[in-house]
Amino acid sequence: LPDHVAVELEFLSYLCGKEIAAAQEGKDRARITEAQRRFIERHLALWFPPFARMVAEKTDTLYKEVVRFADAFLRLDLGDLRNRPEHTRLAPPTLKKENALLATP
């Protein structure tokens, strides 16, 4: 079970959650994004594309579209992770007063 697609995607989800938490706390997230990049390159990128093609060829069910989406997302995410500055900090979003929709009673 350690190499099951759900387990590997769940671990990637865990790393994404850690990155969001670091960003919300104003912490450096470079180590986390590096871990994401390495995990995709060393694990998912090696076997997921052929797996996705095989599933897409063998079925016409919802899984066909799910694996196509996941494959495209992983490629996009890996490209993003490879192109980030080494020490990126993501500040939590702020709402500017002029952009806020104010409800009146």
PDB file of N, CA and C in Angstrom:
ATOM      1  N   LEU A   1       0.797  -1.216   0.000  1.00  0.00           N
ATOM      2  CA  LEU A   1       0.000   0.000   0.000  1.00  0.00           C
ATOM      3  C   LEU A   1       0.839   1.280   0.000  1.00  0.00           C
ATOM      4  N   PRO A   2       2.110   1.280   0.414  1.00  0.00           N
ATOM      5  CA  PRO A   2       2.862   2.538   0.460  1.00  0.00           C
ATOM      6  C   PRO A   2       2.959   3.266  -0.875  1.00  0.00           C
ATOM      7  N   ASP A   3       2.920   2.551  -1.994  1.00  0.00           N
ATOM      8  CA  ASP A   3       3.028   3.206  -3.299  1.00  0.00           C
ATOM      9  C   ASP A   3       1.677   3.419  -3.960  1.00  0.00           C
ATOM     10  N   HIS A   4       0.604   3.176  -3.260  1.00  0.00           N
ATOM     11  CA  HIS A   4      -0.731   3.358  -3.831  1.00  0.00           C
ATOM     12  C   HIS A   4      -0.922   4.823  -4.194  1.00  0.00           C
ATOM     13  N   VAL A   5      -1.572   5.070  -5.313  1.00  0.00           N
ATOM     14  CA  VAL A   5      -1.761   6.429  -5.812  1.00  0.00           C
ATOM     15  C   VAL A   5      -2.417   7.321  -4.763  1.00  0.00           C
ATOM     16  N   ALA A   6      -3.395   6.801  -4.046  1.00  0.00           N
ATOM     17  CA  ALA A   6      -4.084   7.618  -3.036  1.00  0.00           C
ATOM     18  C   ALA A   6      -3.140   8.024  -1.911  1.00  0.00           C
ATOM     19  N   VAL A   7      -2.252   7.125  -1.512  1.00  0.00           N
ATOM     20  CA  VAL A   7      -1.306   7.425  -0.434  1.00  0.00           C
ATOM     21  C   VAL A   7      -0.332   8.510  -0.877  1.00  0.00           C
ATOM     22  N   GLU A   8       0.175   8.397  -2.087  1.00  0.00           N
ATOM     23  CA  GLU A   8       1.136   9.393  -2.565  1.00  0.00           C
ATOM     24  C   GLU A   8       0.483  10.756  -2.774  1.00  0.00           C
ATOM     25  N   LEU A   9      -0.725  10.778  -3.298  1.00  0.00           N
ATOM     26  CA  LEU A   9      -1.419  12.058  -3.467  1.00  0.00           C
ATOM     27  C   LEU A   9      -1.811  12.654  -2.119  1.00  0.00           C
ATOM     28  N   GLU A  10      -2.139  11.791  -1.163  1.00  0.00           N
ATOM     29  CA  GLU A  10      -2.457  12.292   0.177  1.00  0.00           C
ATOM     30  C   GLU A  10      -1.222  12.927   0.819  1.00  0.00           C
ATOM     31  N   PHE A  11      -0.049  12.334   0.628  1.00  0.00           N
ATOM     32  CA  PHE A  11       1.175  12.918   1.174  1.00  0.00           C
ATOM     33  C   PHE A  11       1.455  14.272   0.526  1.00  0.00           C
ATOM     34  N   LEU A  12       1.241  14.369  -0.770  1.00  0.00           N
ATOM     35  CA  LEU A  12       1.423  15.649  -1.453  1.00  0.00           C
ATOM     36  C   LEU A  12       0.432  16.679  -0.910  1.00  0.00           C
ATOM     37  N   SER A  13      -0.777  16.254  -0.639  1.00  0.00           N
ATOM     38  CA  SER A  13      -1.780  17.137  -0.036  1.00  0.00           C
ATOM     39  C   SER A  13      -1.324  17.617   1.338  1.00  0.00           C
ATOM     40  N   TYR A  14      -0.727  16.725   2.109  1.00  0.00           N
ATOM     41  CA  TYR A  14      -0.188  17.078   3.425  1.00  0.00           C
ATOM     42  C   TYR A  14       0.876  18.172   3.288  1.00  0.00           C
ATOM     43  N   LEU A  15       1.782  18.006   2.322  1.00  0.00           N
ATOM     44  CA  LEU A  15       2.823  19.016   2.111  1.00  0.00           C
ATOM     45  C   LEU A  15       2.220  20.354   1.691  1.00  0.00           C
ATOM     46  N   CYS A  16       1.195  20.315   0.861  1.00  0.00           N
ATOM     47  CA  CYS A  16       0.519  21.556   0.454  1.00  0.00           C
ATOM     48  C   CYS A  16      -0.116  22.241   1.660  1.00  0.00           C
ATOM     49  N   GLY A  17      -0.700  21.460   2.547  1.00  0.00           N
ATOM     50  CA  GLY A  17      -1.275  22.018   3.770  1.00  0.00           C
ATOM     51  C   GLY A  17      -0.223  22.668   4.641  1.00  0.00           C
ATOM     52  N   LYS A  18       0.944  22.042   4.723  1.00  0.00           N
ATOM     53  CA  LYS A  18       2.058  22.622   5.492  1.00  0.00           C
ATOM     54  C   LYS A  18       2.497  23.943   4.871  1.00  0.00           C
ATOM     55  N   GLU A  19       2.514  24.012   3.549  1.00  0.00           N
ATOM     56  CA  GLU A  19       2.902  25.248   2.871  1.00  0.00           C
ATOM     57  C   GLU A  19       1.894  26.359   3.159  1.00  0.00           C
ATOM     58  N   ILE A  20       0.622  26.037   3.118  1.00  0.00           N
ATOM     59  CA  ILE A  20      -0.414  27.033   3.414  1.00  0.00           C
ATOM     60  C   ILE A  20      -0.280  27.532   4.844  1.00  0.00           C
ATOM     61  N   ALA A  21      -0.066  26.616   5.783  1.00  0.00           N
ATOM     62  CA  ALA A  21       0.085  27.011   7.189  1.00  0.00           C
ATOM     63  C   ALA A  21       1.291  27.926   7.369  1.00  0.00           C
ATOM     64  N   ALA A  22       2.402  27.602   6.721  1.00  0.00           N
ATOM     65  CA  ALA A  22       3.601  28.442   6.819  1.00  0.00           C
ATOM     66  C   ALA A  22       3.326  29.826   6.248  1.00  0.00           C
ATOM     67  N   ALA A  23       2.627  29.883   5.132  1.00  0.00           N
ATOM     68  CA  ALA A  23       2.310  31.173   4.510  1.00  0.00           C
ATOM     69  C   ALA A  23       1.408  32.001   5.417  1.00  0.00           C
ATOM     70  N   GLN A  24       0.425  31.372   6.031  1.00  0.00           N
ATOM     71  CA  GLN A  24      -0.489  32.090   6.913  1.00  0.00           C
ATOM     72  C   GLN A  24       0.213  32.618   8.159  1.00  0.00           C
ATOM     73  N   GLU A  25       1.254  31.912   8.579  1.00  0.00           N
ATOM     74  CA  GLU A  25       2.016  32.332   9.757  1.00  0.00           C
ATOM     75  C   GLU A  25       3.164  33.269   9.389  1.00  0.00           C
ATOM     76  N   GLY A  26       3.319  33.569   8.106  1.00  0.00           N
ATOM     77  CA  GLY A  26       4.387  34.451   7.653  1.00  0.00           C
ATOM     78  C   GLY A  26       5.765  33.823   7.716  1.00  0.00           C
ATOM     79  N   LYS A  27       5.820  32.501   7.699  1.00  0.00           N
ATOM     80  CA  LYS A  27       7.096  31.783   7.786  1.00  0.00           C
ATOM     81  C   LYS A  27       7.632  31.472   6.395  1.00  0.00           C
ATOM     82  N   ASP A  28       8.937  31.255   6.344  1.00  0.00           N
ATOM     83  CA  ASP A  28       9.588  30.867   5.097  1.00  0.00           C
ATOM     84  C   ASP A  28       9.099  29.471   4.713  1.00  0.00           C
ATOM     85  N   ARG A  29       8.699  29.314   3.489  1.00  0.00           N
ATOM     86  CA  ARG A  29       8.177  28.024   3.043  1.00  0.00           C
ATOM     87  C   ARG A  29       9.077  27.344   2.026  1.00  0.00           C
ATOM     88  N   ALA A  30      10.311  27.820   1.891  1.00  0.00           N
ATOM     89  CA  ALA A  30      11.224  27.269   0.884  1.00  0.00           C
ATOM     90  C   ALA A  30      11.490  25.777   1.098  1.00  0.00           C
ATOM     91  N   ARG A  31      11.676  25.356   2.352  1.00  0.00           N
ATOM     92  CA  ARG A  31      11.945  23.930   2.614  1.00  0.00           C
ATOM     93  C   ARG A  31      10.748  23.064   2.228  1.00  0.00           C
ATOM     94  N   ILE A  32       9.563  23.588   2.475  1.00  0.00           N
ATOM     95  CA  ILE A  32       8.360  22.811   2.164  1.00  0.00           C
ATOM     96  C   ILE A  32       8.169  22.701   0.653  1.00  0.00           C
ATOM     97  N   THR A  33       8.346  23.810  -0.063  1.00  0.00           N
ATOM     98  CA  THR A  33       8.182  23.752  -1.517  1.00  0.00           C
ATOM     99  C   THR A  33       9.264  22.877  -2.152  1.00  0.00           C
ATOM    100  N   GLU A  34      10.456  22.889  -1.566  1.00  0.00           N
ATOM    101  CA  GLU A  34      11.521  22.012  -2.058  1.00  0.00           C
ATOM    102  C   GLU A  34      11.145  20.547  -1.828  1.00  0.00           C
ATOM    103  N   ALA A  35      10.554  20.253  -0.691  1.00  0.00           N
ATOM    104  CA  ALA A  35      10.110  18.881  -0.410  1.00  0.00           C
ATOM    105  C   ALA A  35       9.020  18.457  -1.393  1.00  0.00           C
ATOM    106  N   GLN A  36       8.117  19.365  -1.712  1.00  0.00           N
ATOM    107  CA  GLN A  36       7.073  19.060  -2.700  1.00  0.00           C
ATOM    108  C   GLN A  36       7.700  18.747  -4.056  1.00  0.00           C
ATOM    109  N   ARG A  37       8.619  19.612  -4.487  1.00  0.00           N
ATOM    110  CA  ARG A  37       9.263  19.420  -5.790  1.00  0.00           C
ATOM    111  C   ARG A  37       9.991  18.079  -5.842  1.00  0.00           C
ATOM    112  N   ARG A  38      10.780  17.800  -4.805  1.00  0.00           N
ATOM    113  CA  ARG A  38      11.534  16.541  -4.777  1.00  0.00           C
ATOM    114  C   ARG A  38      10.604  15.327  -4.769  1.00  0.00           C
ATOM    115  N   PHE A  39       9.526  15.406  -4.001  1.00  0.00           N
ATOM    116  CA  PHE A  39       8.600  14.277  -3.932  1.00  0.00           C
ATOM    117  C   PHE A  39       7.959  14.008  -5.294  1.00  0.00           C
ATOM    118  N   ILE A  40       7.532  15.054  -5.960  1.00  0.00           N
ATOM    119  CA  ILE A  40       6.929  14.854  -7.284  1.00  0.00           C
ATOM    120  C   ILE A  40       7.966  14.297  -8.252  1.00  0.00           C
ATOM    121  N   GLU A  41       9.158  14.900  -8.284  1.00  0.00           N
ATOM    122  CA  GLU A  41      10.193  14.453  -9.231  1.00  0.00           C
ATOM    123  C   GLU A  41      10.643  13.022  -8.965  1.00  0.00           C
ATOM    124  N   ARG A  42      10.802  12.661  -7.699  1.00  0.00           N
ATOM    125  CA  ARG A  42      11.364  11.352  -7.346  1.00  0.00           C
ATOM    126  C   ARG A  42      10.325  10.242  -7.237  1.00  0.00           C
ATOM    127  N   HIS A  43       9.070  10.611  -7.193  1.00  0.00           N
ATOM    128  CA  HIS A  43       8.037   9.592  -7.034  1.00  0.00           C
ATOM    129  C   HIS A  43       6.963   9.709  -8.109  1.00  0.00           C
ATOM    130  N   LEU A  44       6.067  10.662  -7.949  1.00  0.00           N
ATOM    131  CA  LEU A  44       4.900  10.748  -8.833  1.00  0.00           C
ATOM    132  C   LEU A  44       5.259  10.948 -10.299  1.00  0.00           C
ATOM    133  N   ALA A  45       6.223  11.790 -10.593  1.00  0.00           N
ATOM    134  CA  ALA A  45       6.571  12.064 -11.999  1.00  0.00           C
ATOM    135  C   ALA A  45       7.141  10.833 -12.698  1.00  0.00           C
ATOM    136  N   LEU A  46       7.649   9.892 -11.932  1.00  0.00           N
ATOM    137  CA  LEU A  46       8.240   8.695 -12.533  1.00  0.00           C
ATOM    138  C   LEU A  46       7.192   7.697 -13.007  1.00  0.00           C
ATOM    139  N   TRP A  47       6.111   7.577 -12.284  1.00  0.00           N
ATOM    140  CA  TRP A  47       5.151   6.538 -12.643  1.00  0.00           C
ATOM    141  C   TRP A  47       3.739   7.038 -12.926  1.00  0.00           C
ATOM    142  N   PHE A  48       3.382   8.237 -12.481  1.00  0.00           N
ATOM    143  CA  PHE A  48       1.999   8.662 -12.655  1.00  0.00           C
ATOM    144  C   PHE A  48       1.613   8.912 -14.115  1.00  0.00           C
ATOM    145  N   PRO A  49       2.439   9.560 -14.938  1.00  0.00           N
ATOM    146  CA  PRO A  49       2.032   9.770 -16.339  1.00  0.00           C
ATOM    147  C   PRO A  49       1.712   8.470 -17.090  1.00  0.00           C
ATOM    148  N   PRO A  50       2.567   7.422 -16.998  1.00  0.00           N
ATOM    149  CA  PRO A  50       2.187   6.174 -17.671  1.00  0.00           C
ATOM    150  C   PRO A  50       0.944   5.524 -17.045  1.00  0.00           C
ATOM    151  N   PHE A  51       0.812   5.643 -15.731  1.00  0.00           N
ATOM    152  CA  PHE A  51      -0.377   5.128 -15.045  1.00  0.00           C
ATOM    153  C   PHE A  51      -1.628   5.832 -15.562  1.00  0.00           C
ATOM    154  N   ALA A  52      -1.567   7.153 -15.680  1.00  0.00           N
ATOM    155  CA  ALA A  52      -2.716   7.929 -16.154  1.00  0.00           C
ATOM    156  C   ALA A  52      -3.078   7.544 -17.586  1.00  0.00           C
ATOM    157  N   ARG A  53      -2.074   7.370 -18.435  1.00  0.00           N
ATOM    158  CA  ARG A  53      -2.337   6.956 -19.820  1.00  0.00           C
ATOM    159  C   ARG A  53      -3.002   5.581 -19.860  1.00  0.00           C
ATOM    160  N   MET A  54      -2.499   4.651 -19.038  1.00  0.00           N
ATOM    161  CA  MET A  54      -3.055   3.304 -19.005  1.00  0.00           C
ATOM    162  C   MET A  54      -4.520   3.331 -18.552  1.00  0.00           C
ATOM    163  N   VAL A  55      -4.804   4.076 -17.494  1.00  0.00           N
ATOM    164  CA  VAL A  55      -6.185   4.166 -17.011  1.00  0.00           C
ATOM    165  C   VAL A  55      -7.072   4.797 -18.080  1.00  0.00           C
ATOM    166  N   ALA A  56      -6.588   5.864 -18.710  1.00  0.00           N
ATOM    167  CA  ALA A  56      -7.378   6.557 -19.736  1.00  0.00           C
ATOM    168  C   ALA A  56      -7.662   5.652 -20.938  1.00  0.00           C
ATOM    169  N   GLU A  57      -6.709   4.784 -21.274  1.00  0.00           N
ATOM    170  CA  GLU A  57      -6.900   3.874 -22.410  1.00  0.00           C
ATOM    171  C   GLU A  57      -7.843   2.722 -22.089  1.00  0.00           C
ATOM    172  N   LYS A  58      -7.890   2.321 -20.832  1.00  0.00           N
ATOM    173  CA  LYS A  58      -8.623   1.107 -20.452  1.00  0.00           C
ATOM    174  C   LYS A  58     -10.044   1.349 -19.970  1.00  0.00           C
ATOM    175  N   THR A  59     -10.430   2.599 -19.755  1.00  0.00           N
ATOM    176  CA  THR A  59     -11.756   2.833 -19.189  1.00  0.00           C
ATOM    177  C   THR A  59     -12.412   4.072 -19.783  1.00  0.00           C
ATOM    178  N   ASP A  60     -13.698   4.091 -19.718  1.00  0.00           N
ATOM    179  CA  ASP A  60     -14.464   5.276 -20.113  1.00  0.00           C
ATOM    180  C   ASP A  60     -15.247   5.818 -18.922  1.00  0.00           C
ATOM    181  N   THR A  61     -14.822   5.464 -17.744  1.00  0.00           N
ATOM    182  CA  THR A  61     -15.517   5.894 -16.531  1.00  0.00           C
ATOM    183  C   THR A  61     -14.980   7.242 -16.058  1.00  0.00           C
ATOM    184  N   LEU A  62     -15.496   7.675 -14.947  1.00  0.00           N
ATOM    185  CA  LEU A  62     -15.051   8.920 -14.326  1.00  0.00           C
ATOM    186  C   LEU A  62     -13.544   8.910 -14.061  1.00  0.00           C
ATOM    187  N   TYR A  63     -12.985   7.731 -13.775  1.00  0.00           N
ATOM    188  CA  TYR A  63     -11.558   7.638 -13.473  1.00  0.00           C
ATOM    189  C   TYR A  63     -10.690   8.143 -14.624  1.00  0.00           C
ATOM    190  N   LYS A  64     -11.160   7.980 -15.828  1.00  0.00           N
ATOM    191  CA  LYS A  64     -10.418   8.463 -16.998  1.00  0.00           C
ATOM    192  C   LYS A  64     -10.175   9.966 -16.886  1.00  0.00           C
ATOM    193  N   GLU A  65     -11.210  10.705 -16.568  1.00  0.00           N
ATOM    194  CA  GLU A  65     -11.078  12.161 -16.447  1.00  0.00           C
ATOM    195  C   GLU A  65     -10.340  12.557 -15.177  1.00  0.00           C
ATOM    196  N   VAL A  66     -10.519  11.797 -14.118  1.00  0.00           N
ATOM    197  CA  VAL A  66      -9.824  12.092 -12.860  1.00  0.00           C
ATOM    198  C   VAL A  66      -8.316  11.976 -13.049  1.00  0.00           C
ATOM    199  N   VAL A  67      -7.851  10.892 -13.684  1.00  0.00           N
ATOM    200  CA  VAL A  67      -6.406  10.740 -13.867  1.00  0.00           C
ATOM    201  C   VAL A  67      -5.857  11.746 -14.867  1.00  0.00           C
ATOM    202  N   ARG A  68      -6.635  12.098 -15.867  1.00  0.00           N
ATOM    203  CA  ARG A  68      -6.179  13.138 -16.806  1.00  0.00           C
ATOM    204  C   ARG A  68      -6.002  14.469 -16.082  1.00  0.00           C
ATOM    205  N   PHE A  69      -6.979  14.809 -15.253  1.00  0.00           N
ATOM    206  CA  PHE A  69      -6.886  16.046 -14.480  1.00  0.00           C
ATOM    207  C   PHE A  69      -5.690  16.000 -13.533  1.00  0.00           C
ATOM    208  N   ALA A  70      -5.533  14.896 -12.805  1.00  0.00           N
ATOM    209  CA  ALA A  70      -4.430  14.779 -11.848  1.00  0.00           C
ATOM    210  C   ALA A  70      -3.080  14.867 -12.556  1.00  0.00           C
ATOM    211  N   ASP A  71      -2.957  14.223 -13.706  1.00  0.00           N
ATOM    212  CA  ASP A  71      -1.708  14.275 -14.466  1.00  0.00           C
ATOM    213  C   ASP A  71      -1.396  15.704 -14.901  1.00  0.00           C
ATOM    214  N   ALA A  72      -2.392  16.400 -15.431  1.00  0.00           N
ATOM    215  CA  ALA A  72      -2.183  17.794 -15.850  1.00  0.00           C
ATOM    216  C   ALA A  72      -1.842  18.675 -14.656  1.00  0.00           C
ATOM    217  N   PHE A  73      -2.523  18.457 -13.545  1.00  0.00           N
ATOM    218  CA  PHE A  73      -2.260  19.255 -12.351  1.00  0.00           C
ATOM    219  C   PHE A  73      -0.846  19.017 -11.833  1.00  0.00           C
ATOM    220  N   LEU A  74      -0.406  17.760 -11.787  1.00  0.00           N
ATOM    221  CA  LEU A  74       0.947  17.462 -11.311  1.00  0.00           C
ATOM    222  C   LEU A  74       2.003  18.112 -12.199  1.00  0.00           C
ATOM    223  N   ARG A  75       1.800  18.085 -13.506  1.00  0.00           N
ATOM    224  CA  ARG A  75       2.746  18.727 -14.426  1.00  0.00           C
ATOM    225  C   ARG A  75       2.796  20.242 -14.182  1.00  0.00           C
ATOM    226  N   LEU A  76       1.633  20.838 -14.025  1.00  0.00           N
ATOM    227  CA  LEU A  76       1.554  22.274 -13.765  1.00  0.00           C
ATOM    228  C   LEU A  76       2.195  22.627 -12.425  1.00  0.00           C
ATOM    229  N   ASP A  77       1.885  21.842 -11.404  1.00  0.00           N
ATOM    230  CA  ASP A  77       2.432  22.091 -10.070  1.00  0.00           C
ATOM    231  C   ASP A  77       3.950  21.946 -10.069  1.00  0.00           C
ATOM    232  N   LEU A  78       4.457  20.920 -10.716  1.00  0.00           N
ATOM    233  CA  LEU A  78       5.906  20.728 -10.773  1.00  0.00           C
ATOM    234  C   LEU A  78       6.572  21.885 -11.507  1.00  0.00           C
ATOM    235  N   GLY A  79       5.992  22.337 -12.593  1.00  0.00           N
ATOM    236  CA  GLY A  79       6.539  23.492 -13.310  1.00  0.00           C
ATOM    237  C   GLY A  79       6.568  24.723 -12.430  1.00  0.00           C
ATOM    238  N   ASP A  80       5.499  24.934 -11.678  1.00  0.00           N
ATOM    239  CA  ASP A  80       5.440  26.067 -10.753  1.00  0.00           C
ATOM    240  C   ASP A  80       6.510  25.943  -9.676  1.00  0.00           C
ATOM    241  N   LEU A  81       6.652  24.758  -9.098  1.00  0.00           N
ATOM    242  CA  LEU A  81       7.640  24.559  -8.035  1.00  0.00           C
ATOM    243  C   LEU A  81       9.064  24.750  -8.556  1.00  0.00           C
ATOM    244  N   ARG A  82       9.323  24.343  -9.782  1.00  0.00           N
ATOM    245  CA  ARG A  82      10.660  24.505 -10.359  1.00  0.00           C
ATOM    246  C   ARG A  82      10.986  25.963 -10.674  1.00  0.00           C
ATOM    247  N   ASN A  83       9.973  26.783 -10.884  1.00  0.00           N
ATOM    248  CA  ASN A  83      10.197  28.174 -11.278  1.00  0.00           C
ATOM    249  C   ASN A  83      10.076  29.175 -10.141  1.00  0.00           C
ATOM    250  N   ARG A  84       9.868  28.714  -8.935  1.00  0.00           N
ATOM    251  CA  ARG A  84       9.739  29.636  -7.806  1.00  0.00           C
ATOM    252  C   ARG A  84      11.110  30.120  -7.354  1.00  0.00           C
ATOM    253  N   PRO A  85      11.158  31.361  -6.875  1.00  0.00           N
ATOM    254  CA  PRO A  85      12.400  31.814  -6.246  1.00  0.00           C
ATOM    255  C   PRO A  85      12.706  30.921  -5.045  1.00  0.00           C
ATOM    256  N   GLU A  86      13.978  30.783  -4.735  1.00  0.00           N
ATOM    257  CA  GLU A  86      14.394  29.832  -3.703  1.00  0.00           C
ATOM    258  C   GLU A  86      13.792  30.121  -2.331  1.00  0.00           C
ATOM    259  N   HIS A  87      13.663  31.362  -1.969  1.00  0.00           N
ATOM    260  CA  HIS A  87      13.160  31.694  -0.634  1.00  0.00           C
ATOM    261  C   HIS A  87      11.919  32.562  -0.746  1.00  0.00           C
ATOM    262  N   THR A  88      10.859  31.958  -1.203  1.00  0.00           N
ATOM    263  CA  THR A  88       9.609  32.682  -1.390  1.00  0.00           C
ATOM    264  C   THR A  88       8.857  32.775  -0.075  1.00  0.00           C
ATOM    265  N   ARG A  89       8.357  33.952   0.202  1.00  0.00           N
ATOM    266  CA  ARG A  89       7.455  34.126   1.336  1.00  0.00           C
ATOM    267  C   ARG A  89       6.121  34.577   0.765  1.00  0.00           C
ATOM    268  N   LEU A  90       5.083  33.981   1.236  1.00  0.00           N
ATOM    269  CA  LEU A  90       3.751  34.338   0.781  1.00  0.00           C
ATOM    270  C   LEU A  90       3.025  34.990   1.938  1.00  0.00           C
ATOM    271  N   ALA A  91       2.737  36.252   1.788  1.00  0.00           N
ATOM    272  CA  ALA A  91       2.021  36.965   2.843  1.00  0.00           C
ATOM    273  C   ALA A  91       0.548  36.605   2.781  1.00  0.00           C
ATOM    274  N   PRO A  92      -0.086  36.521   3.934  1.00  0.00           N
ATOM    275  CA  PRO A  92      -1.523  36.268   3.922  1.00  0.00           C
ATOM    276  C   PRO A  92      -2.239  37.396   3.191  1.00  0.00           C
ATOM    277  N   PRO A  93      -3.313  37.090   2.489  1.00  0.00           N
ATOM    278  CA  PRO A  93      -4.025  38.144   1.762  1.00  0.00           C
ATOM    279  C   PRO A  93      -4.634  39.155   2.719  1.00  0.00           C
ATOM    280  N   THR A  94      -4.650  40.390   2.276  1.00  0.00           N
ATOM    281  CA  THR A  94      -5.282  41.436   3.074  1.00  0.00           C
ATOM    282  C   THR A  94      -6.396  42.048   2.245  1.00  0.00           C
ATOM    283  N   LEU A  95      -7.388  42.511   2.916  1.00  0.00           N
ATOM    284  CA  LEU A  95      -8.522  43.122   2.243  1.00  0.00           C
ATOM    285  C   LEU A  95      -8.384  44.628   2.356  1.00  0.00           C
ATOM    286  N   LYS A  96      -8.226  45.282   1.217  1.00  0.00           N
ATOM    287  CA  LYS A  96      -8.118  46.738   1.214  1.00  0.00           C
ATOM    288  C   LYS A  96      -9.509  47.332   1.345  1.00  0.00           C
ATOM    289  N   LYS A  97      -9.589  48.390   2.115  1.00  0.00           N
ATOM    290  CA  LYS A  97     -10.880  49.002   2.392  1.00  0.00           C
ATOM    291  C   LYS A  97     -11.603  49.416   1.111  1.00  0.00           C
ATOM    292  N   GLU A  98     -10.868  49.939   0.140  1.00  0.00           N
ATOM    293  CA  GLU A  98     -11.520  50.401  -1.088  1.00  0.00           C
ATOM    294  C   GLU A  98     -12.057  49.245  -1.932  1.00  0.00           C
ATOM    295  N   ASN A  99     -11.566  48.027  -1.685  1.00  0.00           N
ATOM    296  CA  ASN A  99     -12.042  46.868  -2.430  1.00  0.00           C
ATOM    297  C   ASN A  99     -13.116  46.080  -1.689  1.00  0.00           C
ATOM    298  N   ALA A 100     -13.376  46.462  -0.469  1.00  0.00           N
ATOM    299  CA  ALA A 100     -14.338  45.713   0.342  1.00  0.00           C
ATOM    300  C   ALA A 100     -15.766  46.093  -0.020  1.00  0.00           C
ATOM    301  N   LEU A 101     -16.612  45.118  -0.003  1.00  0.00           N
ATOM    302  CA  LEU A 101     -18.036  45.369  -0.181  1.00  0.00           C
ATOM    303  C   LEU A 101     -18.625  45.497   1.219  1.00  0.00           C
ATOM    304  N   LEU A 102     -19.068  46.678   1.530  1.00  0.00           N
ATOM    305  CA  LEU A 102     -19.587  46.909   2.872  1.00  0.00           C
ATOM    306  C   LEU A 102     -21.099  46.768   2.868  1.00  0.00           C
ATOM    307  N   ALA A 103     -21.586  45.914   3.717  1.00  0.00           N
ATOM    308  CA  ALA A 103     -23.038  45.734   3.839  1.00  0.00           C
ATOM    309  C   ALA A 103     -23.584  46.781   4.788  1.00  0.00           C
ATOM    310  N   THR A 104     -24.684  47.343   4.425  1.00  0.00           N
ATOM    311  CA  THR A 104     -25.318  48.325   5.307  1.00  0.00           C
ATOM    312  C   THR A 104     -26.635  47.760   5.810  1.00  0.00           C
ATOM    313  N   PRO A 105     -26.947  48.040   7.073  1.00  0.00           N
ATOM    314  CA  PRO A 105     -28.189  47.492   7.628  1.00  0.00           C
ATOM    315  C   PRO A 105     -29.414  48.139   7.048  1.00  0.00           C
TER     316      PRO A 105
END
